[in-house]
Amino acid sequence: MALSSFPLRGLTTNKYCMAQVIEGSLNASGQRFAIAISRWNEFITKRLLEGAIDCIRMHGGDEAGVTIVYCPGAFELPLVVRRLAMSGAYDAVIALGAVIRGSTPHFEHVAGGATSGIASAMMESGVPCLFGVLTVDTIEQAIERAGSKAGNKGWEAAQAGIEMINLLRNLPTGASNGRS
């Protein structure tokens, strides 16, 4: 079977393949979100927050189901994200921040720590932890990704969170895969 004959997204079967397709919907109704947001570069992160809230609202979510937690910077986000994810109070945790490259290696340490820490929080907790942290070379790039030319990465992180919540609800659960 040629790779091109594999079913396209949204199709459950075709004449070549009878594979089951599992997806998450974009319905935020009844979902509970925590948004961990960095105060550093607040002129950017505020726009990311607005995008995330707009996305949740536009997909049927209620602002009453959203908790916003501020922390000092992107490097501190993983600890806050982990605590929120492990609390059991939220269906997804969205991390928002902006790390803008300077003339020292500080950027790599902060961006790398935020990235790996948020991913670790997700894997440890089993709760979707979405990465809405901009890692850019210039302020102009940050502005573009916070609601101008390149869309709003806060919106995109929230949308991914909505989909992941619903996807995980559609996946089988259990301690065993049923194989001997």
N, C-alpha and C. Protein backbone atom coordinates (compact mmCIF):
# COMPACT_ATOMS: atom_id res chain seq x y z
N MET A 1 0.85 -1.17 0.00
CA MET A 1 0.00 0.00 0.00
C MET A 1 0.90 1.24 0.00
N ALA A 2 0.62 2.16 -0.87
CA ALA A 2 1.37 3.40 -0.94
C ALA A 2 1.01 4.29 0.24
N LEU A 3 1.99 5.08 0.69
CA LEU A 3 1.76 5.98 1.82
C LEU A 3 0.60 6.92 1.53
N SER A 4 0.46 7.35 0.30
CA SER A 4 -0.60 8.30 -0.05
C SER A 4 -1.99 7.70 0.07
N SER A 5 -2.10 6.37 0.17
CA SER A 5 -3.41 5.76 0.29
C SER A 5 -3.86 5.64 1.75
N PHE A 6 -3.02 6.07 2.71
CA PHE A 6 -3.42 6.04 4.11
C PHE A 6 -4.54 7.05 4.31
N PRO A 7 -5.52 6.75 5.18
CA PRO A 7 -6.66 7.66 5.32
C PRO A 7 -6.24 9.05 5.76
N LEU A 8 -6.90 10.03 5.22
CA LEU A 8 -6.64 11.41 5.58
C LEU A 8 -7.29 11.73 6.91
N ARG A 9 -6.79 12.77 7.56
CA ARG A 9 -7.34 13.21 8.84
C ARG A 9 -8.85 13.38 8.71
N GLY A 10 -9.57 12.87 9.69
CA GLY A 10 -11.02 13.01 9.70
C GLY A 10 -11.75 11.85 9.05
N LEU A 11 -11.04 11.01 8.30
CA LEU A 11 -11.66 9.85 7.68
C LEU A 11 -11.41 8.62 8.53
N THR A 12 -12.41 7.82 8.76
CA THR A 12 -12.20 6.63 9.59
C THR A 12 -11.82 5.42 8.75
N THR A 13 -12.20 5.39 7.50
CA THR A 13 -11.84 4.27 6.64
C THR A 13 -11.72 4.75 5.20
N ASN A 14 -11.07 3.96 4.39
CA ASN A 14 -11.11 4.12 2.94
C ASN A 14 -10.94 2.73 2.34
N LYS A 15 -10.91 2.62 1.02
CA LYS A 15 -10.88 1.30 0.40
C LYS A 15 -9.55 0.56 0.62
N TYR A 16 -8.51 1.25 1.08
CA TYR A 16 -7.21 0.62 1.29
C TYR A 16 -6.92 0.27 2.74
N CYS A 17 -7.54 0.98 3.65
CA CYS A 17 -7.15 0.86 5.06
C CYS A 17 -8.38 0.96 5.95
N MET A 18 -8.46 0.10 6.92
CA MET A 18 -9.59 0.10 7.85
C MET A 18 -9.14 0.57 9.24
N ALA A 19 -8.15 1.42 9.30
CA ALA A 19 -7.62 1.89 10.58
C ALA A 19 -8.62 2.78 11.30
N GLN A 20 -8.63 2.65 12.61
CA GLN A 20 -9.44 3.54 13.43
C GLN A 20 -8.67 4.84 13.63
N VAL A 21 -9.34 5.96 13.52
CA VAL A 21 -8.73 7.28 13.72
C VAL A 21 -9.33 7.89 14.97
N ILE A 22 -8.47 8.31 15.89
CA ILE A 22 -8.92 8.94 17.13
C ILE A 22 -8.40 10.38 17.12
N GLU A 23 -9.31 11.32 17.36
CA GLU A 23 -8.95 12.73 17.37
C GLU A 23 -9.59 13.42 18.55
N GLY A 24 -9.12 14.62 18.83
CA GLY A 24 -9.74 15.47 19.83
C GLY A 24 -10.49 16.59 19.14
N SER A 25 -11.64 16.94 19.68
CA SER A 25 -12.44 18.04 19.11
C SER A 25 -11.96 19.38 19.66
N LEU A 26 -12.49 20.44 19.12
CA LEU A 26 -12.16 21.79 19.59
C LEU A 26 -13.33 22.39 20.35
N ASN A 27 -13.85 21.64 21.31
CA ASN A 27 -14.96 22.09 22.15
C ASN A 27 -14.43 22.26 23.57
N ALA A 28 -14.40 23.50 24.06
CA ALA A 28 -13.85 23.79 25.39
C ALA A 28 -14.92 23.84 26.47
N SER A 29 -16.14 23.51 26.13
CA SER A 29 -17.23 23.56 27.10
C SER A 29 -16.94 22.65 28.30
N GLY A 30 -17.02 23.21 29.49
CA GLY A 30 -16.81 22.44 30.72
C GLY A 30 -15.37 22.16 31.07
N GLN A 31 -14.43 22.61 30.25
CA GLN A 31 -13.02 22.35 30.53
C GLN A 31 -12.45 23.37 31.52
N ARG A 32 -11.48 22.91 32.33
CA ARG A 32 -10.83 23.75 33.33
C ARG A 32 -9.37 23.97 32.92
N PHE A 33 -8.99 25.23 32.83
CA PHE A 33 -7.63 25.59 32.40
C PHE A 33 -6.92 26.39 33.47
N ALA A 34 -5.62 26.14 33.59
CA ALA A 34 -4.74 27.03 34.33
C ALA A 34 -3.82 27.66 33.30
N ILE A 35 -3.61 28.94 33.42
CA ILE A 35 -2.66 29.63 32.56
C ILE A 35 -1.56 30.19 33.45
N ALA A 36 -0.35 29.66 33.28
CA ALA A 36 0.82 30.16 33.99
C ALA A 36 1.51 31.15 33.06
N ILE A 37 1.68 32.36 33.53
CA ILE A 37 2.19 33.42 32.66
C ILE A 37 3.35 34.16 33.32
N SER A 38 4.35 34.41 32.52
CA SER A 38 5.55 35.11 32.97
C SER A 38 5.31 36.62 32.96
N ARG A 39 5.74 37.30 34.03
CA ARG A 39 5.67 38.77 34.07
C ARG A 39 6.77 39.41 33.22
N TRP A 40 7.89 38.69 33.04
CA TRP A 40 8.99 39.24 32.24
C TRP A 40 8.50 39.41 30.81
N ASN A 41 8.82 40.51 30.19
CA ASN A 41 8.34 40.87 28.84
C ASN A 41 6.81 40.93 28.81
N GLU A 42 6.25 41.54 29.85
CA GLU A 42 4.80 41.59 30.03
C GLU A 42 4.06 42.25 28.86
N PHE A 43 4.71 43.18 28.19
CA PHE A 43 4.06 43.81 27.03
C PHE A 43 3.77 42.79 25.94
N ILE A 44 4.50 41.68 25.93
CA ILE A 44 4.25 40.59 24.99
C ILE A 44 3.34 39.54 25.61
N THR A 45 3.65 39.13 26.84
CA THR A 45 2.88 38.03 27.46
C THR A 45 1.42 38.42 27.68
N LYS A 46 1.16 39.71 27.89
CA LYS A 46 -0.23 40.16 28.03
C LYS A 46 -1.03 39.88 26.75
N ARG A 47 -0.41 40.06 25.60
CA ARG A 47 -1.06 39.76 24.33
C ARG A 47 -1.28 38.26 24.15
N LEU A 48 -0.31 37.47 24.60
CA LEU A 48 -0.47 36.02 24.53
C LEU A 48 -1.63 35.57 25.41
N LEU A 49 -1.75 36.17 26.59
CA LEU A 49 -2.85 35.84 27.49
C LEU A 49 -4.20 36.20 26.86
N GLU A 50 -4.28 37.37 26.26
CA GLU A 50 -5.52 37.77 25.59
C GLU A 50 -5.90 36.77 24.50
N GLY A 51 -4.91 36.31 23.74
CA GLY A 51 -5.16 35.32 22.69
C GLY A 51 -5.66 34.01 23.25
N ALA A 52 -5.05 33.54 24.35
CA ALA A 52 -5.46 32.27 24.96
C ALA A 52 -6.89 32.35 25.48
N ILE A 53 -7.21 33.44 26.17
CA ILE A 53 -8.57 33.61 26.72
C ILE A 53 -9.59 33.70 25.58
N ASP A 54 -9.27 34.46 24.53
CA ASP A 54 -10.17 34.57 23.37
C ASP A 54 -10.43 33.21 22.75
N CYS A 55 -9.39 32.40 22.62
CA CYS A 55 -9.52 31.08 22.02
C CYS A 55 -10.44 30.19 22.85
N ILE A 56 -10.24 30.17 24.14
CA ILE A 56 -11.07 29.35 25.03
C ILE A 56 -12.52 29.79 24.91
N ARG A 57 -12.75 31.10 24.94
CA ARG A 57 -14.10 31.64 24.83
C ARG A 57 -14.73 31.30 23.47
N MET A 58 -13.97 31.45 22.40
CA MET A 58 -14.48 31.20 21.04
C MET A 58 -14.80 29.71 20.80
N HIS A 59 -14.22 28.83 21.60
CA HIS A 59 -14.47 27.40 21.46
C HIS A 59 -15.43 26.88 22.53
N GLY A 60 -16.22 27.78 23.11
CA GLY A 60 -17.28 27.37 24.03
C GLY A 60 -16.89 27.27 25.49
N GLY A 61 -15.67 27.67 25.82
CA GLY A 61 -15.23 27.63 27.21
C GLY A 61 -15.73 28.83 27.99
N ASP A 62 -15.65 28.72 29.30
CA ASP A 62 -16.12 29.77 30.20
C ASP A 62 -14.92 30.34 30.94
N GLU A 63 -14.83 31.67 30.99
CA GLU A 63 -13.72 32.30 31.71
C GLU A 63 -13.71 31.91 33.19
N ALA A 64 -14.85 31.54 33.73
CA ALA A 64 -14.91 31.10 35.12
C ALA A 64 -14.14 29.79 35.33
N GLY A 65 -13.89 29.07 34.25
CA GLY A 65 -13.12 27.83 34.31
C GLY A 65 -11.64 28.03 34.07
N VAL A 66 -11.19 29.29 34.11
CA VAL A 66 -9.78 29.62 33.84
C VAL A 66 -9.17 30.26 35.09
N THR A 67 -8.02 29.75 35.50
CA THR A 67 -7.24 30.34 36.59
C THR A 67 -5.94 30.86 35.99
N ILE A 68 -5.62 32.11 36.27
CA ILE A 68 -4.39 32.73 35.75
C ILE A 68 -3.41 32.90 36.90
N VAL A 69 -2.19 32.39 36.70
CA VAL A 69 -1.15 32.44 37.74
C VAL A 69 0.07 33.13 37.15
N TYR A 70 0.49 34.22 37.78
CA TYR A 70 1.67 34.96 37.32
C TYR A 70 2.90 34.49 38.07
N CYS A 71 4.01 34.38 37.34
CA CYS A 71 5.31 34.08 37.96
C CYS A 71 6.33 35.06 37.39
N PRO A 72 7.51 35.15 38.00
CA PRO A 72 8.47 36.17 37.58
C PRO A 72 8.93 36.06 36.11
N GLY A 73 9.38 34.88 35.69
CA GLY A 73 9.92 34.77 34.35
C GLY A 73 9.70 33.39 33.75
N ALA A 74 10.18 33.21 32.53
CA ALA A 74 10.00 31.93 31.82
C ALA A 74 10.74 30.80 32.51
N PHE A 75 11.86 31.09 33.16
CA PHE A 75 12.62 30.04 33.83
C PHE A 75 11.84 29.44 35.00
N GLU A 76 10.98 30.23 35.62
CA GLU A 76 10.18 29.79 36.75
C GLU A 76 8.90 29.07 36.32
N LEU A 77 8.53 29.18 35.07
CA LEU A 77 7.29 28.56 34.59
C LEU A 77 7.20 27.05 34.85
N PRO A 78 8.24 26.26 34.62
CA PRO A 78 8.10 24.81 34.82
C PRO A 78 7.64 24.41 36.22
N LEU A 79 8.13 25.06 37.25
CA LEU A 79 7.72 24.72 38.61
C LEU A 79 6.24 25.04 38.82
N VAL A 80 5.82 26.19 38.35
CA VAL A 80 4.43 26.59 38.49
C VAL A 80 3.54 25.66 37.67
N VAL A 81 3.94 25.36 36.44
CA VAL A 81 3.16 24.46 35.57
C VAL A 81 3.04 23.09 36.23
N ARG A 82 4.13 22.57 36.74
CA ARG A 82 4.10 21.25 37.39
C ARG A 82 3.14 21.24 38.57
N ARG A 83 3.23 22.25 39.43
CA ARG A 83 2.35 22.32 40.60
C ARG A 83 0.89 22.36 40.18
N LEU A 84 0.58 23.17 39.18
CA LEU A 84 -0.81 23.27 38.69
C LEU A 84 -1.27 21.94 38.09
N ALA A 85 -0.42 21.33 37.28
CA ALA A 85 -0.78 20.07 36.62
C ALA A 85 -0.97 18.94 37.65
N MET A 86 -0.14 18.90 38.66
CA MET A 86 -0.22 17.84 39.67
C MET A 86 -1.38 18.05 40.65
N SER A 87 -1.97 19.24 40.66
CA SER A 87 -3.04 19.54 41.62
C SER A 87 -4.32 18.75 41.36
N GLY A 88 -4.53 18.32 40.13
CA GLY A 88 -5.76 17.63 39.77
C GLY A 88 -6.93 18.57 39.55
N ALA A 89 -6.70 19.86 39.65
CA ALA A 89 -7.78 20.84 39.51
C ALA A 89 -8.02 21.29 38.08
N TYR A 90 -7.11 20.94 37.16
CA TYR A 90 -7.19 21.48 35.79
C TYR A 90 -7.10 20.37 34.76
N ASP A 91 -7.80 20.57 33.65
CA ASP A 91 -7.73 19.63 32.52
C ASP A 91 -6.51 19.89 31.66
N ALA A 92 -6.03 21.13 31.67
CA ALA A 92 -4.82 21.49 30.92
C ALA A 92 -4.18 22.71 31.57
N VAL A 93 -2.87 22.82 31.39
CA VAL A 93 -2.12 23.97 31.88
C VAL A 93 -1.42 24.59 30.68
N ILE A 94 -1.61 25.89 30.50
CA ILE A 94 -1.01 26.62 29.39
C ILE A 94 0.08 27.52 29.95
N ALA A 95 1.29 27.36 29.44
CA ALA A 95 2.42 28.19 29.86
C ALA A 95 2.64 29.28 28.83
N LEU A 96 2.68 30.53 29.28
CA LEU A 96 2.89 31.67 28.38
C LEU A 96 4.09 32.48 28.85
N GLY A 97 4.97 32.80 27.93
CA GLY A 97 6.13 33.60 28.25
C GLY A 97 6.80 34.08 26.98
N ALA A 98 7.82 34.90 27.16
CA ALA A 98 8.59 35.40 26.02
C ALA A 98 10.05 35.53 26.41
N VAL A 99 10.89 34.78 25.71
CA VAL A 99 12.33 34.84 25.92
C VAL A 99 12.93 35.42 24.65
N ILE A 100 13.54 36.59 24.79
CA ILE A 100 14.10 37.30 23.64
C ILE A 100 15.62 37.26 23.74
N ARG A 101 16.25 36.80 22.66
CA ARG A 101 17.70 36.63 22.65
C ARG A 101 18.42 37.96 22.89
N GLY A 102 19.43 37.89 23.69
CA GLY A 102 20.30 39.04 23.91
C GLY A 102 21.69 38.71 23.40
N SER A 103 22.69 39.37 23.94
CA SER A 103 24.05 39.17 23.45
C SER A 103 24.85 38.18 24.30
N THR A 104 24.18 37.51 25.24
CA THR A 104 24.87 36.53 26.09
C THR A 104 24.19 35.17 25.96
N PRO A 105 24.79 34.11 26.48
CA PRO A 105 24.18 32.77 26.41
C PRO A 105 22.97 32.59 27.33
N HIS A 106 22.59 33.61 28.06
CA HIS A 106 21.45 33.54 28.98
C HIS A 106 20.19 33.00 28.28
N PHE A 107 19.97 33.42 27.05
CA PHE A 107 18.80 33.00 26.27
C PHE A 107 18.70 31.47 26.20
N GLU A 108 19.79 30.81 25.85
CA GLU A 108 19.78 29.36 25.70
C GLU A 108 19.43 28.66 27.02
N HIS A 109 19.96 29.18 28.12
CA HIS A 109 19.69 28.56 29.43
C HIS A 109 18.22 28.72 29.82
N VAL A 110 17.69 29.91 29.64
CA VAL A 110 16.29 30.16 30.02
C VAL A 110 15.34 29.40 29.08
N ALA A 111 15.56 29.51 27.78
CA ALA A 111 14.67 28.84 26.81
C ALA A 111 14.74 27.33 26.98
N GLY A 112 15.94 26.79 27.13
CA GLY A 112 16.09 25.35 27.30
C GLY A 112 15.48 24.84 28.59
N GLY A 113 15.68 25.58 29.67
CA GLY A 113 15.11 25.18 30.96
C GLY A 113 13.59 25.21 30.93
N ALA A 114 13.03 26.25 30.33
CA ALA A 114 11.57 26.35 30.23
C ALA A 114 11.00 25.21 29.39
N THR A 115 11.63 24.96 28.26
CA THR A 115 11.15 23.92 27.34
C THR A 115 11.17 22.54 28.00
N SER A 116 12.32 22.15 28.52
CA SER A 116 12.43 20.81 29.11
C SER A 116 11.60 20.68 30.38
N GLY A 117 11.53 21.74 31.17
CA GLY A 117 10.77 21.68 32.41
C GLY A 117 9.28 21.54 32.18
N ILE A 118 8.75 22.26 31.20
CA ILE A 118 7.32 22.17 30.90
C ILE A 118 7.00 20.80 30.32
N ALA A 119 7.86 20.29 29.45
CA ALA A 119 7.65 18.95 28.90
C ALA A 119 7.69 17.90 30.02
N SER A 120 8.62 18.04 30.95
CA SER A 120 8.71 17.10 32.08
C SER A 120 7.45 17.15 32.94
N ALA A 121 6.93 18.33 33.17
CA ALA A 121 5.70 18.48 33.97
C ALA A 121 4.55 17.74 33.31
N MET A 122 4.47 17.84 31.99
CA MET A 122 3.40 17.16 31.26
C MET A 122 3.55 15.64 31.37
N MET A 123 4.73 15.14 31.16
CA MET A 123 4.94 13.70 31.19
C MET A 123 4.75 13.14 32.60
N GLU A 124 5.18 13.87 33.61
CA GLU A 124 5.05 13.41 34.99
C GLU A 124 3.60 13.42 35.46
N SER A 125 2.85 14.44 35.06
CA SER A 125 1.48 14.59 35.56
C SER A 125 0.44 13.89 34.71
N GLY A 126 0.73 13.70 33.43
CA GLY A 126 -0.28 13.15 32.52
C GLY A 126 -1.32 14.18 32.10
N VAL A 127 -1.09 15.43 32.46
CA VAL A 127 -1.99 16.54 32.11
C VAL A 127 -1.36 17.32 30.96
N PRO A 128 -2.14 17.66 29.93
CA PRO A 128 -1.57 18.46 28.85
C PRO A 128 -1.00 19.78 29.39
N CYS A 129 0.26 20.02 29.12
CA CYS A 129 0.94 21.26 29.49
C CYS A 129 1.43 21.88 28.18
N LEU A 130 0.80 22.97 27.79
CA LEU A 130 1.03 23.55 26.47
C LEU A 130 2.08 24.62 26.51
N PHE A 131 2.93 24.61 25.49
CA PHE A 131 4.09 25.49 25.44
C PHE A 131 3.77 26.72 24.60
N GLY A 132 3.36 27.78 25.27
CA GLY A 132 3.11 29.06 24.61
C GLY A 132 4.18 30.06 24.97
N VAL A 133 5.42 29.60 25.03
CA VAL A 133 6.56 30.45 25.37
C VAL A 133 7.28 30.81 24.07
N LEU A 134 7.30 32.08 23.77
CA LEU A 134 8.03 32.53 22.58
C LEU A 134 9.52 32.48 22.86
N THR A 135 10.27 31.94 21.92
CA THR A 135 11.74 31.97 21.98
C THR A 135 12.19 32.59 20.67
N VAL A 136 12.50 33.87 20.73
CA VAL A 136 12.73 34.65 19.51
C VAL A 136 14.04 35.42 19.59
N ASP A 137 14.48 35.87 18.42
CA ASP A 137 15.72 36.64 18.34
C ASP A 137 15.52 38.12 18.59
N THR A 138 14.33 38.65 18.25
CA THR A 138 14.12 40.09 18.35
C THR A 138 12.75 40.42 18.94
N ILE A 139 12.63 41.62 19.42
CA ILE A 139 11.34 42.10 19.93
C ILE A 139 10.31 42.11 18.80
N GLU A 140 10.75 42.45 17.60
CA GLU A 140 9.83 42.46 16.45
C GLU A 140 9.24 41.08 16.20
N GLN A 141 10.05 40.05 16.31
CA GLN A 141 9.55 38.68 16.14
C GLN A 141 8.55 38.33 17.24
N ALA A 142 8.80 38.78 18.45
CA ALA A 142 7.87 38.52 19.55
C ALA A 142 6.53 39.20 19.28
N ILE A 143 6.57 40.43 18.83
CA ILE A 143 5.34 41.17 18.52
C ILE A 143 4.56 40.47 17.42
N GLU A 144 5.28 40.01 16.39
CA GLU A 144 4.62 39.30 15.29
C GLU A 144 3.91 38.04 15.77
N ARG A 145 4.47 37.35 16.75
CA ARG A 145 3.91 36.08 17.23
C ARG A 145 2.90 36.27 18.37
N ALA A 146 2.71 37.51 18.77
CA ALA A 146 1.79 37.81 19.87
C ALA A 146 0.56 38.56 19.36
N GLY A 147 0.22 38.33 18.10
CA GLY A 147 -1.03 38.89 17.62
C GLY A 147 -0.95 39.74 16.37
N SER A 148 0.20 39.79 15.72
CA SER A 148 0.21 40.54 14.45
C SER A 148 0.44 39.58 13.29
N LYS A 149 1.48 39.73 12.52
CA LYS A 149 1.69 38.97 11.28
C LYS A 149 1.66 37.45 11.43
N ALA A 150 2.25 36.92 12.48
CA ALA A 150 2.40 35.46 12.62
C ALA A 150 1.35 34.86 13.54
N GLY A 151 0.22 35.50 13.70
CA GLY A 151 -0.83 34.99 14.56
C GLY A 151 -0.53 35.23 16.03
N ASN A 152 -1.21 34.50 16.88
CA ASN A 152 -1.02 34.65 18.32
C ASN A 152 -0.72 33.27 18.90
N LYS A 153 0.49 33.10 19.40
CA LYS A 153 0.91 31.80 19.92
C LYS A 153 0.18 31.45 21.23
N GLY A 154 -0.36 32.44 21.93
CA GLY A 154 -1.20 32.15 23.09
C GLY A 154 -2.49 31.47 22.65
N TRP A 155 -3.09 31.98 21.57
CA TRP A 155 -4.28 31.35 20.99
C TRP A 155 -3.95 29.92 20.58
N GLU A 156 -2.84 29.74 19.88
CA GLU A 156 -2.46 28.41 19.39
C GLU A 156 -2.23 27.43 20.54
N ALA A 157 -1.61 27.89 21.62
CA ALA A 157 -1.38 27.01 22.78
C ALA A 157 -2.71 26.61 23.41
N ALA A 158 -3.63 27.56 23.53
CA ALA A 158 -4.95 27.25 24.10
C ALA A 158 -5.71 26.28 23.21
N GLN A 159 -5.63 26.50 21.91
CA GLN A 159 -6.32 25.60 20.97
C GLN A 159 -5.75 24.18 21.06
N ALA A 160 -4.44 24.07 21.16
CA ALA A 160 -3.82 22.76 21.33
C ALA A 160 -4.27 22.13 22.64
N GLY A 161 -4.42 22.93 23.69
CA GLY A 161 -4.88 22.42 24.97
C GLY A 161 -6.29 21.86 24.89
N ILE A 162 -7.18 22.58 24.23
CA ILE A 162 -8.56 22.13 24.06
C ILE A 162 -8.57 20.79 23.33
N GLU A 163 -7.82 20.71 22.24
CA GLU A 163 -7.77 19.47 21.46
C GLU A 163 -7.17 18.32 22.26
N MET A 164 -6.11 18.59 23.01
CA MET A 164 -5.46 17.52 23.79
C MET A 164 -6.36 16.99 24.89
N ILE A 165 -7.10 17.86 25.55
CA ILE A 165 -8.04 17.41 26.58
C ILE A 165 -9.02 16.42 25.97
N ASN A 166 -9.60 16.80 24.84
CA ASN A 166 -10.59 15.93 24.20
C ASN A 166 -9.97 14.68 23.60
N LEU A 167 -8.76 14.78 23.08
CA LEU A 167 -8.07 13.61 22.56
C LEU A 167 -7.82 12.59 23.68
N LEU A 168 -7.29 13.06 24.80
CA LEU A 168 -7.01 12.15 25.91
C LEU A 168 -8.28 11.49 26.43
N ARG A 169 -9.38 12.21 26.40
CA ARG A 169 -10.66 11.63 26.82
C ARG A 169 -11.11 10.53 25.87
N ASN A 170 -10.67 10.59 24.62
CA ASN A 170 -11.05 9.60 23.60
C ASN A 170 -10.10 8.41 23.54
N LEU A 171 -8.95 8.51 24.17
CA LEU A 171 -7.97 7.42 24.14
C LEU A 171 -8.28 6.37 25.20
N PRO A 172 -7.95 5.12 24.91
CA PRO A 172 -8.14 4.08 25.93
C PRO A 172 -7.20 4.33 27.11
N THR A 173 -7.64 3.88 28.29
CA THR A 173 -6.81 4.00 29.47
C THR A 173 -6.59 2.63 30.06
N GLY A 174 -5.68 2.55 31.02
CA GLY A 174 -5.43 1.29 31.69
C GLY A 174 -3.96 1.08 31.93
N ALA A 175 -3.66 0.25 32.90
CA ALA A 175 -2.27 -0.02 33.26
C ALA A 175 -1.61 -1.01 32.34
N SER A 176 -2.40 -1.80 31.63
CA SER A 176 -1.84 -2.85 30.79
C SER A 176 -2.26 -2.63 29.35
N ASN A 177 -1.39 -3.00 28.42
CA ASN A 177 -1.76 -2.89 27.01
C ASN A 177 -2.45 -4.14 26.50
N GLY A 178 -2.68 -5.11 27.38
CA GLY A 178 -3.40 -6.31 27.01
C GLY A 178 -2.56 -7.37 26.34
N ARG A 179 -1.26 -7.14 26.23
CA ARG A 179 -0.37 -8.11 25.59
C ARG A 179 0.37 -8.90 26.63
N SER A 180 0.69 -10.13 26.32
CA SER A 180 1.44 -10.98 27.26
C SER A 180 2.90 -10.96 26.93
